[in-house]
C-alpha atoms as a PDB file:
ATOM      1  CA  MET A   1     116.892 142.174  66.885  1.00  0.00           C
ATOM      2  CA  SER A   2     119.374 141.795  69.724  1.00  0.00           C
ATOM      3  CA  ASP A   3     118.749 145.430  70.629  1.00  0.00           C
ATOM      4  CA  ILE A   4     115.008 144.717  71.081  1.00  0.00           C
ATOM      5  CA  PHE A   5     115.160 141.451  73.096  1.00  0.00           C
ATOM      6  CA  PRO A   6     117.791 140.883  75.791  1.00  0.00           C
ATOM      7  CA  LYS A   7     119.942 137.741  75.548  1.00  0.00           C
ATOM      8  CA  TRP A   8     118.207 135.987  78.447  1.00  0.00           C
ATOM      9  CA  THR A   9     115.000 135.700  76.398  1.00  0.00           C
ATOM     10  CA  ASN A  10     116.772 133.141  74.207  1.00  0.00           C
ATOM     11  CA  GLN A  11     116.503 130.719  77.109  1.00  0.00           C
ATOM     12  CA  LEU A  12     112.879 131.559  77.860  1.00  0.00           C
ATOM     13  CA  PRO A  13     111.181 128.834  75.724  1.00  0.00           C
ATOM     14  CA  ARG A  14     113.368 126.127  77.260  1.00  0.00           C
ATOM     15  CA  GLN A  15     112.709 127.453  80.769  1.00  0.00           C
ATOM     16  CA  ILE A  16     108.962 127.504  80.145  1.00  0.00           C
ATOM     17  CA  ILE A  17     109.022 123.906  78.910  1.00  0.00           C
ATOM     18  CA  ILE A  18     111.117 122.730  81.864  1.00  0.00           C
ATOM     19  CA  GLY A  19     108.899 124.624  84.296  1.00  0.00           C
ATOM     20  CA  ALA A  20     105.748 123.119  82.780  1.00  0.00           C
ATOM     21  CA  LEU A  21     107.224 119.618  83.015  1.00  0.00           C
ATOM     22  CA  LEU A  22     108.220 120.137  86.649  1.00  0.00           C
ATOM     23  CA  ALA A  23     104.811 121.562  87.535  1.00  0.00           C
ATOM     24  CA  GLY A  24     103.046 118.702  85.753  1.00  0.00           C
ATOM     25  CA  THR A  25     105.212 116.165  87.558  1.00  0.00           C
ATOM     26  CA  ALA A  26     104.496 117.782  90.927  1.00  0.00           C
ATOM     27  CA  VAL A  27     100.739 117.870  90.293  1.00  0.00           C
ATOM     28  CA  THR A  28     100.732 114.247  89.111  1.00  0.00           C
ATOM     29  CA  ALA A  29     102.729 113.114  92.144  1.00  0.00           C
ATOM     30  CA  GLY A  30     100.445 115.024  94.490  1.00  0.00           C
ATOM     31  CA  VAL A  31      97.280 113.598  92.972  1.00  0.00           C
ATOM     32  CA  THR A  32      98.743 110.088  92.947  1.00  0.00           C
ATOM     33  CA  TYR A  33      99.742 110.330  96.605  1.00  0.00           C
ATOM     34  CA  TYR A  34      96.924 112.314  98.164  1.00  0.00           C
ATOM     35  CA  PHE A  35      93.957 111.369  95.979  1.00  0.00           C
ATOM     36  CA  THR A  36      94.006 107.808  97.284  1.00  0.00           C
ATOM     37  CA  PRO A  37      91.531 106.107  99.630  1.00  0.00           C
ATOM     38  CA  LYS A  38      93.951 106.622 102.508  1.00  0.00           C
ATOM     39  CA  TYR A  39      93.329 110.363 102.306  1.00  0.00           C
ATOM     40  CA  THR A  40      89.951 110.636 100.564  1.00  0.00           C
ATOM     41  CA  ALA A  41      88.010 107.782 102.188  1.00  0.00           C
ATOM     42  CA  VAL A  42      89.500 106.981 105.605  1.00  0.00           C
ATOM     43  CA  GLY A  43      87.509 108.789 108.272  1.00  0.00           C
ATOM     44  CA  TYR A  44      84.334 109.007 106.175  1.00  0.00           C
ATOM     45  CA  GLU A  45      81.470 109.104 108.692  1.00  0.00           C
ATOM     46  CA  PRO A  46      78.106 109.977 107.132  1.00  0.00           C
ATOM     47  CA  ILE A  47      75.026 110.818 109.160  1.00  0.00           C
ATOM     48  CA  GLN A  48      72.786 107.768 109.249  1.00  0.00           C
ATOM     49  CA  PRO A  49      68.964 107.782 109.451  1.00  0.00           C
ATOM     50  CA  VAL A  50      69.177 105.864 112.738  1.00  0.00           C
ATOM     51  CA  PRO A  51      71.972 106.256 115.299  1.00  0.00           C
ATOM     52  CA  PHE A  52      73.314 102.726 115.770  1.00  0.00           C
ATOM     53  CA  PRO A  53      76.182 102.505 118.287  1.00  0.00           C
ATOM     54  CA  HIS A  54      78.214  99.346 117.658  1.00  0.00           C
ATOM     55  CA  SER A  55      80.066 100.057 120.873  1.00  0.00           C
ATOM     56  CA  VAL A  56      76.848  99.504 122.828  1.00  0.00           C
ATOM     57  CA  HIS A  57      75.516  96.514 120.916  1.00  0.00           C
ATOM     58  CA  VAL A  58      78.820  94.675 120.468  1.00  0.00           C
ATOM     59  CA  LYS A  59      81.073  95.878 123.278  1.00  0.00           C
ATOM     60  CA  GLN A  60      78.542  96.235 126.093  1.00  0.00           C
ATOM     61  CA  LEU A  61      75.816  93.758 125.137  1.00  0.00           C
ATOM     62  CA  GLY A  62      78.043  91.195 123.445  1.00  0.00           C
ATOM     63  CA  LEU A  63      76.081  90.780 120.213  1.00  0.00           C
ATOM     64  CA  ASP A  64      77.889  88.702 117.614  1.00  0.00           C
ATOM     65  CA  CYS A  65      78.380  90.467 114.268  1.00  0.00           C
ATOM     66  CA  ARG A  66      76.563  87.604 112.550  1.00  0.00           C
ATOM     67  CA  TYR A  67      73.332  88.227 114.442  1.00  0.00           C
ATOM     68  CA  CYS A  68      72.732  91.248 112.208  1.00  0.00           C
ATOM     69  CA  HIS A  69      75.027  90.449 109.282  1.00  0.00           C
ATOM     70  CA  ASN A  70      73.890  86.846 109.005  1.00  0.00           C
ATOM     71  CA  ALA A  71      74.849  86.328 105.343  1.00  0.00           C
ATOM     72  CA  VAL A  72      78.514  87.144 105.777  1.00  0.00           C
ATOM     73  CA  GLU A  73      79.622  83.493 106.025  1.00  0.00           C
ATOM     74  CA  LYS A  74      77.707  82.300 102.976  1.00  0.00           C
ATOM     75  CA  SER A  75      77.487  85.190 100.567  1.00  0.00           C
ATOM     76  CA  TRP A  76      79.713  87.654  98.711  1.00  0.00           C
ATOM     77  CA  TYR A  77      78.006  90.538 100.531  1.00  0.00           C
ATOM     78  CA  SER A  78      77.504  91.407 104.170  1.00  0.00           C
ATOM     79  CA  ASN A  79      73.811  92.143 104.479  1.00  0.00           C
ATOM     80  CA  ILE A  80      72.238  94.972 106.425  1.00  0.00           C
ATOM     81  CA  PRO A  81      69.576  93.563 108.797  1.00  0.00           C
ATOM     82  CA  ALA A  82      65.894  94.154 108.161  1.00  0.00           C
ATOM     83  CA  ALA A  83      63.996  96.295 110.648  1.00  0.00           C
ATOM     84  CA  SER A  84      62.325  93.142 111.966  1.00  0.00           C
ATOM     85  CA  VAL A  85      65.725  91.952 113.250  1.00  0.00           C
ATOM     86  CA  CYS A  86      66.135  95.180 115.201  1.00  0.00           C
ATOM     87  CA  LEU A  87      62.653  94.805 116.654  1.00  0.00           C
ATOM     88  CA  ASN A  88      63.440  91.333 117.981  1.00  0.00           C
ATOM     89  CA  CYS A  89      64.959  93.278 120.856  1.00  0.00           C
ATOM     90  CA  HIS A  90      63.502  96.731 120.478  1.00  0.00           C
ATOM     91  CA  ASN A  91      59.893  95.658 120.663  1.00  0.00           C
ATOM     92  CA  GLN A  92      60.665  95.446 124.382  1.00  0.00           C
ATOM     93  CA  VAL A  93      63.833  97.505 124.872  1.00  0.00           C
ATOM     94  CA  LEU A  94      63.376 101.243 124.164  1.00  0.00           C
ATOM     95  CA  LYS A  95      60.289 100.325 122.166  1.00  0.00           C
ATOM     96  CA  ASP A  96      58.906 103.878 122.196  1.00  0.00           C
ATOM     97  CA  ASP A  97      62.219 105.695 121.838  1.00  0.00           C
ATOM     98  CA  PRO A  98      61.895 108.420 119.172  1.00  0.00           C
ATOM     99  CA  ARG A  99      65.354 107.538 117.845  1.00  0.00           C
ATOM    100  CA  LEU A 100      63.897 104.245 116.619  1.00  0.00           C
ATOM    101  CA  ALA A 101      60.888 105.740 114.869  1.00  0.00           C
ATOM    102  CA  VAL A 102      62.466 105.120 111.446  1.00  0.00           C
ATOM    103  CA  VAL A 103      62.969 101.449 112.315  1.00  0.00           C
ATOM    104  CA  ARG A 104      59.366 101.043 113.502  1.00  0.00           C
ATOM    105  CA  ASP A 105      58.063 102.767 110.370  1.00  0.00           C
ATOM    106  CA  SER A 106      60.216 100.488 108.215  1.00  0.00           C
ATOM    107  CA  ALA A 107      58.875  97.360 109.893  1.00  0.00           C
ATOM    108  CA  ALA A 108      55.296  98.565 109.493  1.00  0.00           C
ATOM    109  CA  SER A 109      55.560  99.697 105.878  1.00  0.00           C
ATOM    110  CA  GLY A 110      58.031  97.158 104.532  1.00  0.00           C
ATOM    111  CA  ARG A 111      60.233  99.934 103.126  1.00  0.00           C
ATOM    112  CA  PRO A 112      63.888  99.416 104.081  1.00  0.00           C
ATOM    113  CA  VAL A 113      65.768 101.923 106.192  1.00  0.00           C
ATOM    114  CA  GLU A 114      67.854 104.101 103.863  1.00  0.00           C
ATOM    115  CA  TRP A 115      71.261 103.483 105.395  1.00  0.00           C
ATOM    116  CA  VAL A 116      74.206 105.328 103.867  1.00  0.00           C
ATOM    117  CA  GLN A 117      76.827 102.870 102.593  1.00  0.00           C
ATOM    118  CA  ILE A 118      80.276 103.515 104.051  1.00  0.00           C
ATOM    119  CA  HIS A 119      82.430 100.630 102.853  1.00  0.00           C
ATOM    120  CA  LYS A 120      81.868 100.700  99.107  1.00  0.00           C
ATOM    121  CA  MET A 121      84.186  99.111  96.572  1.00  0.00           C
ATOM    122  CA  PRO A 122      84.395 100.284  92.949  1.00  0.00           C
ATOM    123  CA  ASP A 123      82.156  98.447  90.492  1.00  0.00           C
ATOM    124  CA  TYR A 124      85.180  96.857  88.831  1.00  0.00           C
ATOM    125  CA  VAL A 125      86.288  95.176  92.071  1.00  0.00           C
ATOM    126  CA  TYR A 126      84.917  91.791  93.146  1.00  0.00           C
ATOM    127  CA  PHE A 127      85.096  91.034  96.866  1.00  0.00           C
ATOM    128  CA  ASN A 128      83.593  87.933  98.442  1.00  0.00           C
ATOM    129  CA  HIS A 129      82.973  88.208 102.188  1.00  0.00           C
ATOM    130  CA  SER A 130      82.358  84.486 102.713  1.00  0.00           C
ATOM    131  CA  VAL A 131      85.689  83.466 101.139  1.00  0.00           C
ATOM    132  CA  HIS A 132      87.611  85.734 103.492  1.00  0.00           C
ATOM    133  CA  VAL A 133      85.587  85.080 106.656  1.00  0.00           C
ATOM    134  CA  ASN A 134      85.727  81.303 106.192  1.00  0.00           C
ATOM    135  CA  ARG A 135      89.500  81.406 105.815  1.00  0.00           C
ATOM    136  CA  GLY A 136      90.331  83.318 108.968  1.00  0.00           C
ATOM    137  CA  VAL A 137      90.031  86.995 107.993  1.00  0.00           C
ATOM    138  CA  SER A 138      88.300  88.892 110.776  1.00  0.00           C
ATOM    139  CA  CYS A 139      85.915  91.810 110.287  1.00  0.00           C
ATOM    140  CA  VAL A 140      88.457  94.008 112.053  1.00  0.00           C
ATOM    141  CA  GLU A 141      90.988  93.683 109.225  1.00  0.00           C
ATOM    142  CA  CYS A 142      88.805  95.663 106.809  1.00  0.00           C
ATOM    143  CA  HIS A 143      86.489  97.573 109.130  1.00  0.00           C
ATOM    144  CA  GLY A 144      88.773  98.392 112.047  1.00  0.00           C
ATOM    145  CA  GLN A 145      87.707  98.235 115.706  1.00  0.00           C
ATOM    146  CA  ILE A 146      84.075  98.639 114.812  1.00  0.00           C
ATOM    147  CA  ASN A 147      83.125  97.251 118.217  1.00  0.00           C
ATOM    148  CA  ASP A 148      84.464 100.474 119.742  1.00  0.00           C
ATOM    149  CA  MET A 149      82.705 102.853 117.348  1.00  0.00           C
ATOM    150  CA  GLN A 150      79.838 104.992 118.584  1.00  0.00           C
ATOM    151  CA  GLU A 151      79.194 105.959 114.963  1.00  0.00           C
ATOM    152  CA  VAL A 152      80.588 103.778 112.205  1.00  0.00           C
ATOM    153  CA  TYR A 153      83.261 105.357 110.040  1.00  0.00           C
ATOM    154  CA  ARG A 154      85.679 104.058 107.438  1.00  0.00           C
ATOM    155  CA  ALA A 155      88.842 103.064 109.285  1.00  0.00           C
ATOM    156  CA  LYS A 156      90.787 101.362 106.463  1.00  0.00           C
ATOM    157  CA  PRO A 157      91.592 102.586 102.943  1.00  0.00           C
ATOM    158  CA  LEU A 158      90.512  99.336 101.208  1.00  0.00           C
ATOM    159  CA  SER A 159      92.704 100.348  98.286  1.00  0.00           C
ATOM    160  CA  MET A 160      94.353  97.934  95.879  1.00  0.00           C
ATOM    161  CA  SER A 161      97.685  98.268  97.681  1.00  0.00           C
ATOM    162  CA  TYR A 162      95.982  97.641 101.022  1.00  0.00           C
ATOM    163  CA  CYS A 163      94.399  94.432  99.753  1.00  0.00           C
ATOM    164  CA  LEU A 164      97.643  93.280  98.133  1.00  0.00           C
ATOM    165  CA  ASP A 165      99.561  93.816 101.383  1.00  0.00           C
ATOM    166  CA  CYS A 166      97.279  91.251 102.991  1.00  0.00           C
ATOM    167  CA  HIS A 167      97.398  88.842 100.048  1.00  0.00           C
ATOM    168  CA  ARG A 168     101.185  88.969 100.035  1.00  0.00           C
ATOM    169  CA  GLN A 169     101.502  88.314 103.770  1.00  0.00           C
ATOM    170  CA  PRO A 170      98.273  86.598 104.860  1.00  0.00           C
ATOM    171  CA  ALA A 171      99.909  84.942 107.872  1.00  0.00           C
ATOM    172  CA  THR A 172     100.057  88.329 109.599  1.00  0.00           C
ATOM    173  CA  ARG A 173      96.243  88.680 109.450  1.00  0.00           C
ATOM    174  CA  LEU A 174      94.659  85.240 109.809  1.00  0.00           C
ATOM    175  CA  ARG A 175      93.043  83.898 112.975  1.00  0.00           C
ATOM    176  CA  PRO A 176      91.030  80.843 114.121  1.00  0.00           C
ATOM    177  CA  LEU A 177      87.453  80.727 112.840  1.00  0.00           C
ATOM    178  CA  ASP A 178      85.976  80.893 116.329  1.00  0.00           C
ATOM    179  CA  LYS A 179      87.748  84.240 116.824  1.00  0.00           C
ATOM    180  CA  ILE A 180      86.552  85.902 113.605  1.00  0.00           C
ATOM    181  CA  THR A 181      83.977  88.106 115.343  1.00  0.00           C
ATOM    182  CA  ASP A 182      85.985  88.533 118.543  1.00  0.00           C
ATOM    183  CA  LEU A 183      87.389  91.842 117.397  1.00  0.00           C
ATOM    184  CA  ASP A 184      89.656  92.301 120.417  1.00  0.00           C
ATOM    185  CA  TRP A 185      91.297  88.872 120.029  1.00  0.00           C
ATOM    186  CA  LYS A 186      95.075  88.562 119.864  1.00  0.00           C
ATOM    187  CA  PRO A 187      97.115  85.339 119.685  1.00  0.00           C
ATOM    188  CA  THR A 188      98.955  86.387 122.856  1.00  0.00           C
ATOM    189  CA  ASP A 189      98.760  89.110 125.473  1.00  0.00           C
ATOM    190  CA  ASP A 190     102.531  89.520 125.484  1.00  0.00           C
ATOM    191  CA  ALA A 191     103.286  92.549 123.318  1.00  0.00           C
ATOM    192  CA  ARG A 192     106.874  91.396 122.781  1.00  0.00           C
ATOM    193  CA  GLU A 193     105.769  88.054 121.359  1.00  0.00           C
ATOM    194  CA  LEU A 194     102.701  89.279 119.498  1.00  0.00           C
ATOM    195  CA  ALA A 195     104.132  89.537 115.968  1.00  0.00           C
ATOM    196  CA  ALA A 196     105.924  86.164 116.194  1.00  0.00           C
ATOM    197  CA  LYS A 197     102.866  84.435 117.632  1.00  0.00           C
ATOM    198  CA  GLN A 198     100.595  85.916 114.979  1.00  0.00           C
ATOM    199  CA  LEU A 199     102.956  84.742 112.245  1.00  0.00           C
ATOM    200  CA  GLU A 200     103.038  81.253 113.758  1.00  0.00           C
ATOM    201  CA  THR A 201      99.229  81.129 114.024  1.00  0.00           C
ATOM    202  CA  GLY A 202      98.687  82.474 110.515  1.00  0.00           C
ATOM    203  CA  THR A 203     101.245  80.144 108.943  1.00  0.00           C
ATOM    204  CA  LYS A 204      99.541  77.134 110.526  1.00  0.00           C
ATOM    205  CA  ILE A 205      96.138  78.292 109.260  1.00  0.00           C
ATOM    206  CA  ILE A 206      97.505  78.702 105.728  1.00  0.00           C
ATOM    207  CA  HIS A 207      98.848  75.138 105.830  1.00  0.00           C
ATOM    208  CA  ASP A 208      95.889  73.472 107.547  1.00  0.00           C
ATOM    209  CA  TRP A 209      93.167  75.183 105.497  1.00  0.00           C
ATOM    210  CA  ASN A 210      95.074  75.371 102.213  1.00  0.00           C
ATOM    211  CA  VAL A 211      94.603  79.131 102.032  1.00  0.00           C
ATOM    212  CA  GLN A 212      95.104  80.380  98.478  1.00  0.00           C
ATOM    213  CA  SER A 213      96.350  83.953  98.657  1.00  0.00           C
ATOM    214  CA  LEU A 214      95.930  84.871  95.000  1.00  0.00           C
ATOM    215  CA  GLN A 215      97.526  87.944  93.473  1.00  0.00           C
ATOM    216  CA  ASN A 216      96.627  87.693  89.800  1.00  0.00           C
ATOM    217  CA  CYS A 217      94.437  90.441  88.339  1.00  0.00           C
ATOM    218  CA  SER A 218      91.411  88.207  87.682  1.00  0.00           C
ATOM    219  CA  THR A 219      91.070  87.430  91.387  1.00  0.00           C
ATOM    220  CA  CYS A 220      89.475  90.821  92.023  1.00  0.00           C
ATOM    221  CA  HIS A 221      88.857  92.197  88.525  1.00  0.00           C
ATOM    222  CA  ARG A 222      86.370  90.006  86.675  1.00  0.00           C
END
């Protein structure tokens, strides 16, 4: 038998098993690291039926987020405005612009504009907008500098670890309620003092408003 198979083949089964384990470990590590929202969701920018530049409406015109998303302070969801809200302005401004044809058709027919959802949580995750907004969490924390976006894209991973980072250190994210929709707001203009000032502001908000930064599973998984 030894004349048919060289001695090194005696080690072959063990080498195959070790190689398979190493390959499996590498694949698992790669999937775990790269198949996360940070890599698969951040940057997602679908083509929408109507080009809506937040940078124009918010940055240039000064519209408050709550003019369009008027349920965000009292509901678990942040509503998309009806076409009639758009036409409050656009029945005078750019009223015949072909880019707004879908909006005009929606208002006339009653059929909603088929916007493509960008910030979508899994079905097993419960997220309440009003709870966060009414306790000092700005839109910018989850949606990024949406006031600067010509086309809205997903700027944050919104993964479990991302949410837990905020729940573990809420003082680094909280701001006064009157600054919630001021997406450029900072507690100080001094870059050297920014982190300390934010921590001071957030810590005071946690104390004054009795902010409950829960981390148990049932908070988000119900």
